[in-house]
Amino acid sequence: MKSRGGKGNKKATPPAVSIAGEKRTGDPSALLPSSGTSDQRICYRFAHLDIDGPWGLKSLDHDRLMVLLNDMAKFESQTINELFHKGEWPGKCHDVAELPNPLARERLDEIGLPDMTKIWKLRIGGPGRLWGFLVGNVFHVVWWDPFHQVWPSKGR
């Protein structure tokens, strides 16, 4: 039997082991550890990150950014209820209208988020706070406030 190219029938030999030959394949939720509860645990989005504002990430050097990302990753093992159940630490919600720093409210307007009514924060380290908006289990990161300036302590 001849092929279209006019050459004799040569049978191609597959590689000895396919790439997936030694791997489990299928539903990622069955393969990733703890993925069955992913819809309950916190995850992050960065589409609304205020890069250029006073609480952006531009000022962070590589080492500090890596520490911040590592701290954020630690929260990923927790559900939204575990993080925000008491209304205190590590997570808390505030009314945007009550933000004591007027620059924070102005900055939300400048970055196109003037209609938000609630803003959430996660305490990271001592005074550090990660600010954003919570939709379901997704924390939309807006600011990294390393010096507790968005909502200063009453004693400051």
N, C-alpha and C. Protein backbone atom coordinates (compact mmCIF):
# COMPACT_ATOMS: atom_id res chain seq x y z
N MET A 1 0.85 -1.17 0.00
CA MET A 1 0.00 0.00 0.00
C MET A 1 0.89 1.23 0.00
N LYS A 2 0.52 2.18 -0.84
CA LYS A 2 1.32 3.40 -0.95
C LYS A 2 0.55 4.57 -0.36
N SER A 3 1.30 5.52 0.24
CA SER A 3 0.67 6.72 0.76
C SER A 3 0.53 7.73 -0.35
N ARG A 4 -0.10 8.86 -0.07
CA ARG A 4 -0.34 9.90 -1.07
C ARG A 4 0.95 10.44 -1.66
N GLY A 5 1.97 10.51 -0.90
CA GLY A 5 3.23 11.07 -1.39
C GLY A 5 3.96 10.13 -2.32
N GLY A 6 3.45 8.97 -2.53
CA GLY A 6 4.07 8.03 -3.44
C GLY A 6 5.14 7.18 -2.79
N LYS A 7 5.41 7.37 -1.50
CA LYS A 7 6.42 6.57 -0.82
C LYS A 7 5.78 5.32 -0.27
N GLY A 8 6.59 4.38 0.09
CA GLY A 8 6.11 3.15 0.68
C GLY A 8 5.49 3.40 2.03
N ASN A 9 4.72 2.45 2.48
CA ASN A 9 4.03 2.58 3.76
C ASN A 9 5.03 2.42 4.90
N LYS A 10 5.38 3.55 5.52
CA LYS A 10 6.26 3.52 6.68
C LYS A 10 5.43 3.81 7.91
N LYS A 11 5.64 3.03 8.89
CA LYS A 11 4.90 3.23 10.14
C LYS A 11 5.76 4.08 11.08
N ALA A 12 5.20 5.20 11.55
CA ALA A 12 5.92 6.07 12.48
C ALA A 12 5.97 5.41 13.85
N THR A 13 7.11 5.47 14.47
CA THR A 13 7.24 4.91 15.81
C THR A 13 7.06 6.02 16.84
N PRO A 14 6.13 5.82 17.76
CA PRO A 14 5.93 6.83 18.80
C PRO A 14 7.11 6.83 19.76
N PRO A 15 7.30 7.95 20.47
CA PRO A 15 8.37 7.97 21.47
C PRO A 15 8.11 6.89 22.52
N ALA A 16 9.16 6.45 23.15
CA ALA A 16 9.07 5.36 24.13
C ALA A 16 8.10 5.68 25.26
N VAL A 17 8.13 6.90 25.78
CA VAL A 17 7.23 7.29 26.87
C VAL A 17 6.62 8.63 26.51
N SER A 18 5.33 8.71 26.56
CA SER A 18 4.69 9.99 26.27
C SER A 18 4.87 10.92 27.46
N ILE A 19 4.71 12.21 27.24
CA ILE A 19 4.91 13.20 28.31
C ILE A 19 3.96 12.93 29.46
N ALA A 20 2.71 12.62 29.14
CA ALA A 20 1.72 12.38 30.19
C ALA A 20 1.74 10.93 30.68
N GLY A 21 2.61 10.11 30.11
CA GLY A 21 2.63 8.70 30.45
C GLY A 21 2.81 8.40 31.92
N GLU A 22 3.59 9.19 32.61
CA GLU A 22 3.84 8.93 34.03
C GLU A 22 3.10 9.90 34.94
N LYS A 23 2.22 10.70 34.36
CA LYS A 23 1.50 11.70 35.15
C LYS A 23 0.02 11.33 35.23
N ARG A 24 -0.58 11.74 36.34
CA ARG A 24 -2.03 11.62 36.44
C ARG A 24 -2.63 12.76 35.64
N THR A 25 -3.66 12.51 34.92
CA THR A 25 -4.32 13.56 34.16
C THR A 25 -5.79 13.56 34.51
N GLY A 26 -6.43 14.65 34.22
CA GLY A 26 -7.86 14.73 34.48
C GLY A 26 -8.23 16.04 35.12
N ASP A 27 -9.23 15.99 35.95
CA ASP A 27 -9.79 17.16 36.59
C ASP A 27 -8.78 17.79 37.55
N PRO A 28 -8.35 19.04 37.30
CA PRO A 28 -7.37 19.68 38.20
C PRO A 28 -7.85 19.75 39.65
N SER A 29 -9.16 19.88 39.86
CA SER A 29 -9.65 19.96 41.24
C SER A 29 -9.42 18.66 41.99
N ALA A 30 -9.29 17.56 41.26
CA ALA A 30 -9.00 16.28 41.91
C ALA A 30 -7.50 16.09 42.12
N LEU A 31 -6.68 16.84 41.38
CA LEU A 31 -5.24 16.66 41.45
C LEU A 31 -4.53 17.65 42.37
N LEU A 32 -5.08 18.85 42.50
CA LEU A 32 -4.44 19.87 43.33
C LEU A 32 -4.86 19.69 44.78
N PRO A 33 -3.91 19.70 45.70
CA PRO A 33 -4.26 19.55 47.12
C PRO A 33 -5.21 20.66 47.58
N SER A 34 -6.23 20.30 48.29
CA SER A 34 -7.22 21.22 48.88
C SER A 34 -8.03 22.00 47.86
N SER A 35 -7.98 21.63 46.60
CA SER A 35 -8.71 22.41 45.61
C SER A 35 -10.22 22.20 45.69
N GLY A 36 -10.66 21.17 46.36
CA GLY A 36 -12.08 20.94 46.50
C GLY A 36 -12.79 22.03 47.27
N THR A 37 -12.03 22.79 48.07
CA THR A 37 -12.62 23.90 48.83
C THR A 37 -12.13 25.25 48.32
N SER A 38 -11.62 25.29 47.11
CA SER A 38 -11.08 26.56 46.57
C SER A 38 -12.11 27.67 46.54
N ASP A 39 -13.36 27.32 46.34
CA ASP A 39 -14.39 28.36 46.26
C ASP A 39 -14.73 28.94 47.63
N GLN A 40 -14.16 28.38 48.69
CA GLN A 40 -14.38 28.89 50.04
C GLN A 40 -13.16 29.62 50.58
N ARG A 41 -11.99 29.32 50.02
CA ARG A 41 -10.76 29.92 50.51
C ARG A 41 -10.44 31.19 49.73
N ILE A 42 -9.73 32.09 50.37
CA ILE A 42 -9.40 33.37 49.75
C ILE A 42 -8.47 33.17 48.54
N CYS A 43 -8.72 33.96 47.54
CA CYS A 43 -7.80 34.06 46.42
C CYS A 43 -7.74 35.55 46.04
N TYR A 44 -6.79 35.91 45.22
CA TYR A 44 -6.53 37.32 44.96
C TYR A 44 -6.67 37.68 43.49
N ARG A 45 -7.09 38.91 43.26
CA ARG A 45 -7.10 39.51 41.92
C ARG A 45 -6.38 40.85 42.04
N PHE A 46 -5.73 41.27 40.96
CA PHE A 46 -4.92 42.48 40.99
C PHE A 46 -5.33 43.52 39.94
N ALA A 47 -6.48 43.34 39.32
CA ALA A 47 -6.91 44.24 38.25
C ALA A 47 -7.11 45.68 38.74
N HIS A 48 -7.42 45.86 40.02
CA HIS A 48 -7.69 47.20 40.57
C HIS A 48 -6.55 47.72 41.44
N LEU A 49 -5.40 47.09 41.35
CA LEU A 49 -4.25 47.50 42.15
C LEU A 49 -3.86 48.94 41.81
N ASP A 50 -3.79 49.77 42.81
CA ASP A 50 -3.41 51.18 42.65
C ASP A 50 -1.88 51.27 42.69
N ILE A 51 -1.27 51.07 41.56
CA ILE A 51 0.19 50.99 41.48
C ILE A 51 0.86 52.32 41.80
N ASP A 52 0.32 53.41 41.29
CA ASP A 52 1.00 54.70 41.40
C ASP A 52 0.64 55.52 42.63
N GLY A 53 -0.37 55.12 43.37
CA GLY A 53 -0.80 55.90 44.52
C GLY A 53 0.14 55.77 45.70
N PRO A 54 -0.20 56.43 46.79
CA PRO A 54 0.67 56.41 47.97
C PRO A 54 0.81 55.04 48.62
N TRP A 55 -0.08 54.11 48.28
CA TRP A 55 -0.02 52.77 48.85
C TRP A 55 0.14 51.72 47.75
N GLY A 56 0.83 52.11 46.69
CA GLY A 56 1.09 51.18 45.59
C GLY A 56 2.27 50.29 45.91
N LEU A 57 2.61 49.46 44.97
CA LEU A 57 3.71 48.51 45.19
C LEU A 57 5.03 48.99 44.60
N LYS A 58 5.03 50.14 43.92
CA LYS A 58 6.25 50.62 43.28
C LYS A 58 7.39 50.83 44.26
N SER A 59 7.06 51.22 45.48
CA SER A 59 8.11 51.53 46.44
C SER A 59 8.75 50.29 47.07
N LEU A 60 8.15 49.12 46.84
CA LEU A 60 8.69 47.90 47.46
C LEU A 60 9.88 47.37 46.67
N ASP A 61 10.95 47.05 47.40
CA ASP A 61 12.06 46.39 46.73
C ASP A 61 11.72 44.90 46.61
N HIS A 62 12.53 44.19 45.90
CA HIS A 62 12.26 42.78 45.61
C HIS A 62 12.07 41.96 46.88
N ASP A 63 12.95 42.13 47.86
CA ASP A 63 12.88 41.32 49.07
C ASP A 63 11.59 41.56 49.83
N ARG A 64 11.20 42.83 49.95
CA ARG A 64 9.96 43.15 50.69
C ARG A 64 8.74 42.64 49.93
N LEU A 65 8.77 42.72 48.61
CA LEU A 65 7.66 42.20 47.81
C LEU A 65 7.53 40.69 48.00
N MET A 66 8.65 39.99 48.05
CA MET A 66 8.60 38.55 48.25
C MET A 66 8.04 38.20 49.63
N VAL A 67 8.37 38.97 50.65
CA VAL A 67 7.82 38.75 51.99
C VAL A 67 6.31 38.97 51.97
N LEU A 68 5.87 40.05 51.31
CA LEU A 68 4.44 40.34 51.22
C LEU A 68 3.70 39.20 50.51
N LEU A 69 4.22 38.75 49.38
CA LEU A 69 3.56 37.67 48.64
C LEU A 69 3.54 36.38 49.45
N ASN A 70 4.60 36.10 50.18
CA ASN A 70 4.63 34.92 51.04
C ASN A 70 3.58 35.01 52.13
N ASP A 71 3.44 36.19 52.73
CA ASP A 71 2.42 36.38 53.77
C ASP A 71 1.02 36.22 53.20
N MET A 72 0.80 36.75 51.99
CA MET A 72 -0.50 36.60 51.33
C MET A 72 -0.79 35.12 51.06
N ALA A 73 0.22 34.39 50.64
CA ALA A 73 0.03 32.97 50.34
C ALA A 73 -0.38 32.18 51.58
N LYS A 74 0.09 32.59 52.74
CA LYS A 74 -0.28 31.91 53.98
C LYS A 74 -1.79 31.99 54.22
N PHE A 75 -2.40 33.09 53.83
CA PHE A 75 -3.85 33.25 54.01
C PHE A 75 -4.64 32.33 53.09
N GLU A 76 -4.04 31.88 52.00
CA GLU A 76 -4.77 31.06 51.02
C GLU A 76 -5.23 29.72 51.57
N SER A 77 -4.71 29.32 52.69
CA SER A 77 -5.16 28.06 53.30
C SER A 77 -6.42 28.27 54.13
N GLN A 78 -6.84 29.52 54.29
CA GLN A 78 -7.99 29.82 55.15
C GLN A 78 -9.21 30.18 54.32
N THR A 79 -10.36 29.86 54.87
CA THR A 79 -11.60 30.24 54.21
C THR A 79 -11.92 31.70 54.54
N ILE A 80 -12.82 32.26 53.78
CA ILE A 80 -13.25 33.63 54.03
C ILE A 80 -13.83 33.74 55.44
N ASN A 81 -14.58 32.74 55.87
CA ASN A 81 -15.15 32.75 57.21
C ASN A 81 -14.06 32.76 58.27
N GLU A 82 -13.00 32.01 58.07
CA GLU A 82 -11.91 31.99 59.05
C GLU A 82 -11.18 33.32 59.11
N LEU A 83 -11.05 33.99 57.98
CA LEU A 83 -10.32 35.26 57.94
C LEU A 83 -11.13 36.43 58.47
N PHE A 84 -12.43 36.42 58.22
CA PHE A 84 -13.25 37.58 58.53
C PHE A 84 -14.39 37.29 59.51
N HIS A 85 -14.37 36.15 60.17
CA HIS A 85 -15.51 35.74 60.99
C HIS A 85 -15.76 36.61 62.22
N LYS A 86 -14.75 37.14 62.80
CA LYS A 86 -14.93 37.93 64.01
C LYS A 86 -14.99 39.42 63.75
N GLY A 87 -14.72 39.83 62.54
CA GLY A 87 -14.71 41.25 62.24
C GLY A 87 -13.47 41.94 62.79
N GLU A 88 -12.51 41.19 63.17
CA GLU A 88 -11.27 41.75 63.70
C GLU A 88 -10.10 41.20 62.91
N TRP A 89 -9.26 40.37 63.53
CA TRP A 89 -8.04 39.93 62.88
C TRP A 89 -8.12 38.48 62.48
N PRO A 90 -7.54 38.15 61.38
CA PRO A 90 -6.67 38.98 60.56
C PRO A 90 -7.41 39.88 59.58
N GLY A 91 -8.71 39.68 59.37
CA GLY A 91 -9.43 40.49 58.41
C GLY A 91 -10.57 41.28 59.02
N LYS A 92 -10.85 42.42 58.40
CA LYS A 92 -11.90 43.29 58.91
C LYS A 92 -12.49 44.09 57.76
N CYS A 93 -13.74 44.47 57.91
CA CYS A 93 -14.43 45.26 56.89
C CYS A 93 -14.75 46.64 57.46
N HIS A 94 -14.67 47.66 56.60
CA HIS A 94 -15.01 49.03 57.00
C HIS A 94 -15.91 49.66 55.95
N ASP A 95 -16.71 50.63 56.38
CA ASP A 95 -17.46 51.45 55.43
C ASP A 95 -16.50 52.44 54.81
N VAL A 96 -16.52 52.55 53.49
CA VAL A 96 -15.63 53.48 52.79
C VAL A 96 -15.86 54.91 53.28
N ALA A 97 -17.11 55.26 53.51
CA ALA A 97 -17.43 56.63 53.95
C ALA A 97 -16.80 56.96 55.29
N GLU A 98 -16.45 55.95 56.08
CA GLU A 98 -15.87 56.18 57.40
C GLU A 98 -14.34 56.15 57.41
N LEU A 99 -13.71 55.94 56.25
CA LEU A 99 -12.25 55.96 56.21
C LEU A 99 -11.76 57.30 56.78
N PRO A 100 -10.94 57.27 57.83
CA PRO A 100 -10.53 58.51 58.46
C PRO A 100 -9.52 59.31 57.64
N ASN A 101 -8.85 58.68 56.70
CA ASN A 101 -7.88 59.38 55.87
C ASN A 101 -8.58 59.85 54.59
N PRO A 102 -8.81 61.17 54.45
CA PRO A 102 -9.52 61.66 53.26
C PRO A 102 -8.80 61.34 51.95
N LEU A 103 -7.48 61.22 52.01
CA LEU A 103 -6.71 60.88 50.82
C LEU A 103 -7.11 59.49 50.29
N ALA A 104 -7.44 58.57 51.18
CA ALA A 104 -7.86 57.23 50.77
C ALA A 104 -9.17 57.30 50.00
N ARG A 105 -10.13 58.06 50.50
CA ARG A 105 -11.42 58.21 49.79
C ARG A 105 -11.21 58.90 48.45
N GLU A 106 -10.38 59.94 48.41
CA GLU A 106 -10.09 60.64 47.16
C GLU A 106 -9.41 59.71 46.16
N ARG A 107 -8.51 58.89 46.66
CA ARG A 107 -7.77 58.00 45.77
C ARG A 107 -8.69 56.96 45.14
N LEU A 108 -9.68 56.48 45.88
CA LEU A 108 -10.66 55.55 45.29
C LEU A 108 -11.40 56.20 44.13
N ASP A 109 -11.74 57.48 44.28
CA ASP A 109 -12.38 58.21 43.18
C ASP A 109 -11.44 58.30 41.98
N GLU A 110 -10.17 58.64 42.24
CA GLU A 110 -9.19 58.82 41.16
C GLU A 110 -8.93 57.54 40.38
N ILE A 111 -9.00 56.40 41.04
CA ILE A 111 -8.71 55.15 40.34
C ILE A 111 -9.98 54.49 39.79
N GLY A 112 -11.09 55.21 39.83
CA GLY A 112 -12.32 54.72 39.22
C GLY A 112 -13.17 53.81 40.07
N LEU A 113 -13.04 53.90 41.39
CA LEU A 113 -13.84 53.08 42.29
C LEU A 113 -14.65 53.94 43.27
N PRO A 114 -15.34 54.97 42.76
CA PRO A 114 -16.04 55.88 43.66
C PRO A 114 -17.32 55.31 44.28
N ASP A 115 -17.86 54.25 43.72
CA ASP A 115 -19.14 53.74 44.18
C ASP A 115 -19.03 52.59 45.19
N MET A 116 -17.82 52.25 45.57
CA MET A 116 -17.65 51.17 46.53
C MET A 116 -18.10 51.64 47.92
N THR A 117 -18.82 50.80 48.63
CA THR A 117 -19.32 51.19 49.95
C THR A 117 -18.58 50.49 51.09
N LYS A 118 -18.03 49.32 50.83
CA LYS A 118 -17.29 48.56 51.85
C LYS A 118 -15.89 48.30 51.34
N ILE A 119 -14.92 48.37 52.24
CA ILE A 119 -13.53 48.04 51.90
C ILE A 119 -13.02 47.11 52.99
N TRP A 120 -12.21 46.16 52.58
CA TRP A 120 -11.74 45.11 53.48
C TRP A 120 -10.24 45.22 53.66
N LYS A 121 -9.76 44.80 54.82
CA LYS A 121 -8.32 44.81 55.04
C LYS A 121 -7.88 43.51 55.68
N LEU A 122 -6.66 43.14 55.36
CA LEU A 122 -6.00 42.00 55.98
C LEU A 122 -4.76 42.51 56.68
N ARG A 123 -4.61 42.16 57.92
CA ARG A 123 -3.44 42.55 58.70
C ARG A 123 -2.29 41.62 58.34
N ILE A 124 -1.19 42.22 57.93
CA ILE A 124 0.00 41.46 57.57
C ILE A 124 1.18 42.06 58.31
N GLY A 125 1.77 41.28 59.18
CA GLY A 125 2.86 41.80 59.98
C GLY A 125 2.32 42.72 61.05
N GLY A 126 3.15 43.63 61.54
CA GLY A 126 2.73 44.58 62.57
C GLY A 126 1.72 45.58 62.04
N PRO A 127 2.19 46.72 61.55
CA PRO A 127 1.26 47.75 61.10
C PRO A 127 0.75 47.54 59.67
N GLY A 128 1.32 46.61 58.92
CA GLY A 128 0.97 46.44 57.51
C GLY A 128 -0.46 45.98 57.30
N ARG A 129 -1.11 46.58 56.30
CA ARG A 129 -2.48 46.22 55.94
C ARG A 129 -2.59 46.10 54.43
N LEU A 130 -3.25 45.04 53.98
CA LEU A 130 -3.57 44.86 52.58
C LEU A 130 -5.03 45.23 52.43
N TRP A 131 -5.32 46.23 51.61
CA TRP A 131 -6.68 46.75 51.44
C TRP A 131 -7.24 46.32 50.10
N GLY A 132 -8.54 46.04 50.09
CA GLY A 132 -9.19 45.69 48.83
C GLY A 132 -10.67 45.46 49.01
N PHE A 133 -11.26 44.86 47.99
CA PHE A 133 -12.69 44.61 47.98
C PHE A 133 -12.93 43.12 47.88
N LEU A 134 -13.83 42.63 48.68
CA LEU A 134 -14.11 41.20 48.74
C LEU A 134 -15.39 40.91 47.97
N VAL A 135 -15.28 40.03 46.99
CA VAL A 135 -16.44 39.57 46.23
C VAL A 135 -16.41 38.05 46.29
N GLY A 136 -17.32 37.49 47.06
CA GLY A 136 -17.28 36.05 47.30
C GLY A 136 -16.02 35.71 48.05
N ASN A 137 -15.20 34.85 47.48
CA ASN A 137 -13.93 34.50 48.12
C ASN A 137 -12.74 35.20 47.46
N VAL A 138 -13.02 36.15 46.58
CA VAL A 138 -11.96 36.83 45.84
C VAL A 138 -11.68 38.19 46.48
N PHE A 139 -10.44 38.38 46.88
CA PHE A 139 -9.98 39.64 47.45
C PHE A 139 -9.32 40.44 46.33
N HIS A 140 -9.98 41.53 45.92
CA HIS A 140 -9.46 42.39 44.86
C HIS A 140 -8.52 43.41 45.51
N VAL A 141 -7.23 43.18 45.37
CA VAL A 141 -6.21 43.99 46.03
C VAL A 141 -6.18 45.39 45.43
N VAL A 142 -6.22 46.40 46.31
CA VAL A 142 -6.13 47.80 45.89
C VAL A 142 -4.86 48.44 46.43
N TRP A 143 -4.60 48.29 47.73
CA TRP A 143 -3.46 48.97 48.34
C TRP A 143 -2.68 48.06 49.27
N TRP A 144 -1.39 48.33 49.35
CA TRP A 144 -0.54 47.79 50.41
C TRP A 144 -0.15 48.99 51.27
N ASP A 145 -0.57 48.97 52.52
CA ASP A 145 -0.38 50.08 53.45
C ASP A 145 0.57 49.62 54.56
N PRO A 146 1.88 49.73 54.33
CA PRO A 146 2.83 49.18 55.30
C PRO A 146 2.91 49.94 56.61
N PHE A 147 2.44 51.20 56.62
CA PHE A 147 2.58 52.02 57.83
C PHE A 147 1.25 52.38 58.47
N HIS A 148 0.17 51.66 58.08
CA HIS A 148 -1.13 51.84 58.73
C HIS A 148 -1.64 53.27 58.57
N GLN A 149 -1.56 53.79 57.35
CA GLN A 149 -1.98 55.17 57.09
C GLN A 149 -3.41 55.30 56.59
N VAL A 150 -3.94 54.25 55.93
CA VAL A 150 -5.30 54.34 55.39
C VAL A 150 -6.30 54.48 56.53
N TRP A 151 -6.11 53.69 57.56
CA TRP A 151 -6.96 53.78 58.76
C TRP A 151 -6.03 53.77 59.96
N PRO A 152 -5.46 54.93 60.31
CA PRO A 152 -4.50 54.99 61.41
C PRO A 152 -5.14 54.60 62.74
N SER A 153 -4.32 54.04 63.62
CA SER A 153 -4.79 53.73 64.97
C SER A 153 -5.18 55.02 65.66
N LYS A 154 -6.12 54.92 66.58
CA LYS A 154 -6.60 56.12 67.29
C LYS A 154 -5.49 56.78 68.10
N GLY A 155 -4.53 56.01 68.54
CA GLY A 155 -3.44 56.55 69.34
C GLY A 155 -2.38 57.30 68.52
N ARG A 156 -2.48 57.25 67.18
CA ARG A 156 -1.45 57.85 66.34
C ARG A 156 -1.79 59.26 65.95
